[in-house]
Amino acid sequence: MKFLEETECKADATADLVYRVCPMHLLEPGEMLADLEMGQVLEVLTDYDGALEDIPAWCAKYGQEFIGVGEDEHEDCYRLYIRKIH
């Protein structure tokens, strides 16, 4: 898994899933990606540790690019980045 520095990735849209329960961390990003253009990046904010494995696996299954993950120490959440491929 690639860990990103705060300035490495610019998102075109953000899915704030902090305090949301499973399986929302998989359902909502899929819906939001449908509204993005190819090549655009979705940032997923979550405090769910399972997303660190689930989101990359979801990207592989559905043919999207998992760019990497960053931590936001001030907000106590993860930032996962997905590039829309198709």
N, C-alpha and C. Protein backbone atom coordinates (compact mmCIF):
# COMPACT_ATOMS: atom_id res chain seq x y z
N MET A 1 0.85 -1.18 0.00
CA MET A 1 0.00 0.00 0.00
C MET A 1 0.89 1.23 0.00
N LYS A 2 0.55 2.16 -0.86
CA LYS A 2 1.33 3.39 -0.96
C LYS A 2 0.78 4.44 0.00
N PHE A 3 1.67 4.98 0.84
CA PHE A 3 1.29 6.06 1.74
C PHE A 3 1.70 7.38 1.11
N LEU A 4 0.78 8.32 1.09
CA LEU A 4 0.99 9.59 0.42
C LEU A 4 1.27 10.71 1.41
N GLU A 5 2.07 11.65 0.97
CA GLU A 5 2.25 12.89 1.73
C GLU A 5 1.03 13.77 1.47
N GLU A 6 0.82 14.71 2.33
CA GLU A 6 -0.39 15.55 2.25
C GLU A 6 -0.54 16.27 0.91
N THR A 7 0.56 16.64 0.28
CA THR A 7 0.49 17.42 -0.96
C THR A 7 0.60 16.57 -2.21
N GLU A 8 0.66 15.24 -2.10
CA GLU A 8 0.90 14.38 -3.26
C GLU A 8 -0.31 14.20 -4.17
N CYS A 9 -1.50 14.35 -3.66
CA CYS A 9 -2.67 14.02 -4.46
C CYS A 9 -3.75 15.09 -4.30
N LYS A 10 -4.27 15.56 -5.44
CA LYS A 10 -5.35 16.54 -5.41
C LYS A 10 -6.64 15.84 -5.83
N ALA A 11 -7.65 15.95 -5.00
CA ALA A 11 -8.93 15.28 -5.28
C ALA A 11 -9.88 16.22 -6.02
N ASP A 12 -10.70 15.62 -6.88
CA ASP A 12 -11.75 16.37 -7.58
C ASP A 12 -13.07 16.33 -6.81
N ALA A 13 -13.22 15.33 -5.93
CA ALA A 13 -14.42 15.18 -5.11
C ALA A 13 -14.03 14.44 -3.84
N THR A 14 -14.84 14.62 -2.78
CA THR A 14 -14.57 13.99 -1.50
C THR A 14 -15.81 13.30 -0.98
N ALA A 15 -15.61 12.06 -0.52
CA ALA A 15 -16.67 11.30 0.16
C ALA A 15 -16.31 11.26 1.63
N ASP A 16 -17.04 11.99 2.46
CA ASP A 16 -16.78 12.02 3.90
C ASP A 16 -17.57 10.90 4.57
N LEU A 17 -16.89 9.81 4.87
CA LEU A 17 -17.53 8.64 5.46
C LEU A 17 -17.08 8.41 6.90
N VAL A 18 -16.56 9.44 7.54
CA VAL A 18 -16.18 9.34 8.95
C VAL A 18 -17.43 9.08 9.78
N TYR A 19 -17.33 8.13 10.69
CA TYR A 19 -18.43 7.69 11.57
C TYR A 19 -19.52 6.92 10.83
N ARG A 20 -19.25 6.49 9.60
CA ARG A 20 -20.21 5.67 8.85
C ARG A 20 -19.83 4.21 9.01
N VAL A 21 -20.80 3.34 9.01
CA VAL A 21 -20.55 1.92 9.23
C VAL A 21 -20.45 1.17 7.91
N CYS A 22 -19.84 0.00 7.98
CA CYS A 22 -19.71 -0.90 6.85
C CYS A 22 -21.13 -1.30 6.39
N PRO A 23 -21.44 -1.34 5.14
CA PRO A 23 -20.60 -1.30 3.95
C PRO A 23 -20.58 0.05 3.24
N MET A 24 -20.94 1.13 3.94
CA MET A 24 -21.03 2.43 3.28
C MET A 24 -19.71 2.87 2.66
N HIS A 25 -18.58 2.43 3.25
CA HIS A 25 -17.28 2.83 2.71
C HIS A 25 -17.02 2.21 1.34
N LEU A 26 -17.85 1.24 0.94
CA LEU A 26 -17.75 0.66 -0.40
C LEU A 26 -18.87 1.13 -1.32
N LEU A 27 -20.04 1.35 -0.78
CA LEU A 27 -21.19 1.74 -1.61
C LEU A 27 -21.13 3.19 -2.07
N GLU A 28 -20.89 4.10 -1.15
CA GLU A 28 -20.93 5.52 -1.51
C GLU A 28 -19.81 5.94 -2.48
N PRO A 29 -18.57 5.45 -2.30
CA PRO A 29 -17.56 5.82 -3.30
C PRO A 29 -17.92 5.34 -4.71
N GLY A 30 -18.51 4.17 -4.82
CA GLY A 30 -18.94 3.68 -6.13
C GLY A 30 -19.95 4.59 -6.77
N GLU A 31 -20.89 5.08 -5.97
CA GLU A 31 -21.91 6.00 -6.49
C GLU A 31 -21.29 7.34 -6.90
N MET A 32 -20.35 7.82 -6.09
CA MET A 32 -19.73 9.11 -6.39
C MET A 32 -18.82 9.02 -7.62
N LEU A 33 -18.14 7.89 -7.80
CA LEU A 33 -17.28 7.72 -8.97
C LEU A 33 -18.10 7.77 -10.26
N ALA A 34 -19.34 7.33 -10.20
CA ALA A 34 -20.20 7.34 -11.38
C ALA A 34 -20.40 8.76 -11.90
N ASP A 35 -20.33 9.75 -11.02
CA ASP A 35 -20.53 11.14 -11.41
C ASP A 35 -19.25 11.84 -11.87
N LEU A 36 -18.09 11.18 -11.70
CA LEU A 36 -16.82 11.79 -12.08
C LEU A 36 -16.46 11.43 -13.52
N GLU A 37 -15.60 12.23 -14.11
CA GLU A 37 -15.08 11.97 -15.45
C GLU A 37 -13.88 11.03 -15.32
N MET A 38 -13.56 10.32 -16.40
CA MET A 38 -12.38 9.47 -16.40
C MET A 38 -11.14 10.30 -16.06
N GLY A 39 -10.30 9.76 -15.20
CA GLY A 39 -9.07 10.45 -14.80
C GLY A 39 -9.21 11.30 -13.55
N GLN A 40 -10.45 11.61 -13.16
CA GLN A 40 -10.64 12.40 -11.95
C GLN A 40 -10.41 11.53 -10.71
N VAL A 41 -10.13 12.21 -9.60
CA VAL A 41 -9.76 11.52 -8.36
C VAL A 41 -10.80 11.77 -7.27
N LEU A 42 -11.18 10.68 -6.61
CA LEU A 42 -12.09 10.73 -5.46
C LEU A 42 -11.28 10.51 -4.20
N GLU A 43 -11.47 11.39 -3.23
CA GLU A 43 -10.86 11.25 -1.91
C GLU A 43 -11.92 10.68 -0.97
N VAL A 44 -11.59 9.60 -0.27
CA VAL A 44 -12.50 8.98 0.68
C VAL A 44 -11.95 9.20 2.08
N LEU A 45 -12.72 9.90 2.91
CA LEU A 45 -12.35 10.11 4.31
C LEU A 45 -13.06 9.08 5.15
N THR A 46 -12.31 8.34 5.97
CA THR A 46 -12.93 7.32 6.81
C THR A 46 -12.10 7.08 8.06
N ASP A 47 -12.77 6.68 9.11
CA ASP A 47 -12.08 6.28 10.34
C ASP A 47 -12.15 4.77 10.52
N TYR A 48 -12.66 4.06 9.53
CA TYR A 48 -12.82 2.61 9.58
C TYR A 48 -11.54 1.92 9.12
N ASP A 49 -10.86 1.23 10.04
CA ASP A 49 -9.60 0.57 9.72
C ASP A 49 -9.73 -0.46 8.59
N GLY A 50 -10.86 -1.13 8.51
CA GLY A 50 -11.08 -2.13 7.47
C GLY A 50 -11.02 -1.56 6.07
N ALA A 51 -11.25 -0.25 5.93
CA ALA A 51 -11.21 0.38 4.60
C ALA A 51 -9.82 0.32 3.99
N LEU A 52 -8.79 0.21 4.82
CA LEU A 52 -7.43 0.15 4.31
C LEU A 52 -7.19 -1.09 3.45
N GLU A 53 -7.94 -2.14 3.71
CA GLU A 53 -7.87 -3.35 2.89
C GLU A 53 -9.03 -3.39 1.89
N ASP A 54 -10.21 -2.96 2.32
CA ASP A 54 -11.40 -3.08 1.49
C ASP A 54 -11.38 -2.18 0.26
N ILE A 55 -10.95 -0.95 0.41
CA ILE A 55 -10.98 0.00 -0.72
C ILE A 55 -10.01 -0.43 -1.83
N PRO A 56 -8.75 -0.78 -1.53
CA PRO A 56 -7.88 -1.25 -2.61
C PRO A 56 -8.42 -2.51 -3.29
N ALA A 57 -9.00 -3.43 -2.51
CA ALA A 57 -9.58 -4.66 -3.09
C ALA A 57 -10.77 -4.32 -3.98
N TRP A 58 -11.60 -3.37 -3.54
CA TRP A 58 -12.76 -2.93 -4.33
C TRP A 58 -12.28 -2.33 -5.66
N CYS A 59 -11.23 -1.51 -5.59
CA CYS A 59 -10.69 -0.89 -6.81
C CYS A 59 -10.20 -1.96 -7.79
N ALA A 60 -9.50 -2.96 -7.28
CA ALA A 60 -9.00 -4.03 -8.15
C ALA A 60 -10.16 -4.80 -8.78
N LYS A 61 -11.19 -5.06 -8.00
CA LYS A 61 -12.33 -5.82 -8.49
C LYS A 61 -13.11 -5.07 -9.57
N TYR A 62 -13.24 -3.74 -9.40
CA TYR A 62 -14.07 -2.95 -10.32
C TYR A 62 -13.25 -2.14 -11.33
N GLY A 63 -11.95 -2.38 -11.39
CA GLY A 63 -11.12 -1.77 -12.42
C GLY A 63 -10.84 -0.29 -12.23
N GLN A 64 -10.81 0.17 -11.00
CA GLN A 64 -10.44 1.56 -10.72
C GLN A 64 -9.03 1.58 -10.14
N GLU A 65 -8.36 2.72 -10.18
CA GLU A 65 -6.98 2.80 -9.70
C GLU A 65 -6.95 3.30 -8.25
N PHE A 66 -6.43 2.47 -7.37
CA PHE A 66 -6.20 2.91 -5.99
C PHE A 66 -4.86 3.62 -5.98
N ILE A 67 -4.86 4.92 -5.68
CA ILE A 67 -3.64 5.72 -5.72
C ILE A 67 -2.83 5.55 -4.45
N GLY A 68 -3.49 5.58 -3.30
CA GLY A 68 -2.78 5.45 -2.03
C GLY A 68 -3.60 6.00 -0.89
N VAL A 69 -2.96 6.06 0.27
CA VAL A 69 -3.64 6.48 1.49
C VAL A 69 -2.77 7.47 2.26
N GLY A 70 -3.41 8.39 2.91
CA GLY A 70 -2.74 9.32 3.80
C GLY A 70 -3.51 9.40 5.10
N GLU A 71 -2.83 9.81 6.14
CA GLU A 71 -3.51 9.97 7.43
C GLU A 71 -3.64 11.45 7.74
N ASP A 72 -4.76 11.81 8.30
CA ASP A 72 -4.98 13.18 8.75
C ASP A 72 -4.92 13.16 10.27
N GLU A 73 -3.77 13.51 10.82
CA GLU A 73 -3.58 13.44 12.26
C GLU A 73 -4.48 14.41 13.01
N HIS A 74 -4.85 15.51 12.37
CA HIS A 74 -5.68 16.51 13.03
C HIS A 74 -7.14 16.07 13.10
N GLU A 75 -7.59 15.30 12.11
CA GLU A 75 -8.98 14.87 12.06
C GLU A 75 -9.15 13.41 12.47
N ASP A 76 -8.04 12.71 12.73
CA ASP A 76 -8.07 11.31 13.16
C ASP A 76 -8.82 10.43 12.18
N CYS A 77 -8.47 10.56 10.89
CA CYS A 77 -9.09 9.72 9.86
C CYS A 77 -8.09 9.42 8.76
N TYR A 78 -8.43 8.47 7.93
CA TYR A 78 -7.63 8.13 6.76
C TYR A 78 -8.17 8.86 5.55
N ARG A 79 -7.29 9.13 4.59
CA ARG A 79 -7.66 9.72 3.30
C ARG A 79 -7.21 8.74 2.23
N LEU A 80 -8.17 8.11 1.56
CA LEU A 80 -7.86 7.15 0.51
C LEU A 80 -8.21 7.78 -0.83
N TYR A 81 -7.37 7.55 -1.84
CA TYR A 81 -7.54 8.20 -3.13
C TYR A 81 -7.75 7.17 -4.23
N ILE A 82 -8.80 7.41 -5.02
CA ILE A 82 -9.17 6.51 -6.12
C ILE A 82 -9.27 7.33 -7.40
N ARG A 83 -8.59 6.86 -8.45
CA ARG A 83 -8.70 7.51 -9.77
C ARG A 83 -9.68 6.71 -10.62
N LYS A 84 -10.63 7.42 -11.22
CA LYS A 84 -11.61 6.76 -12.09
C LYS A 84 -10.95 6.40 -13.41
N ILE A 85 -10.98 5.12 -13.73
CA ILE A 85 -10.35 4.62 -14.95
C ILE A 85 -11.38 4.46 -16.08
N HIS A 86 -12.59 4.06 -15.74
CA HIS A 86 -13.64 3.91 -16.78
C HIS A 86 -14.98 4.26 -16.20
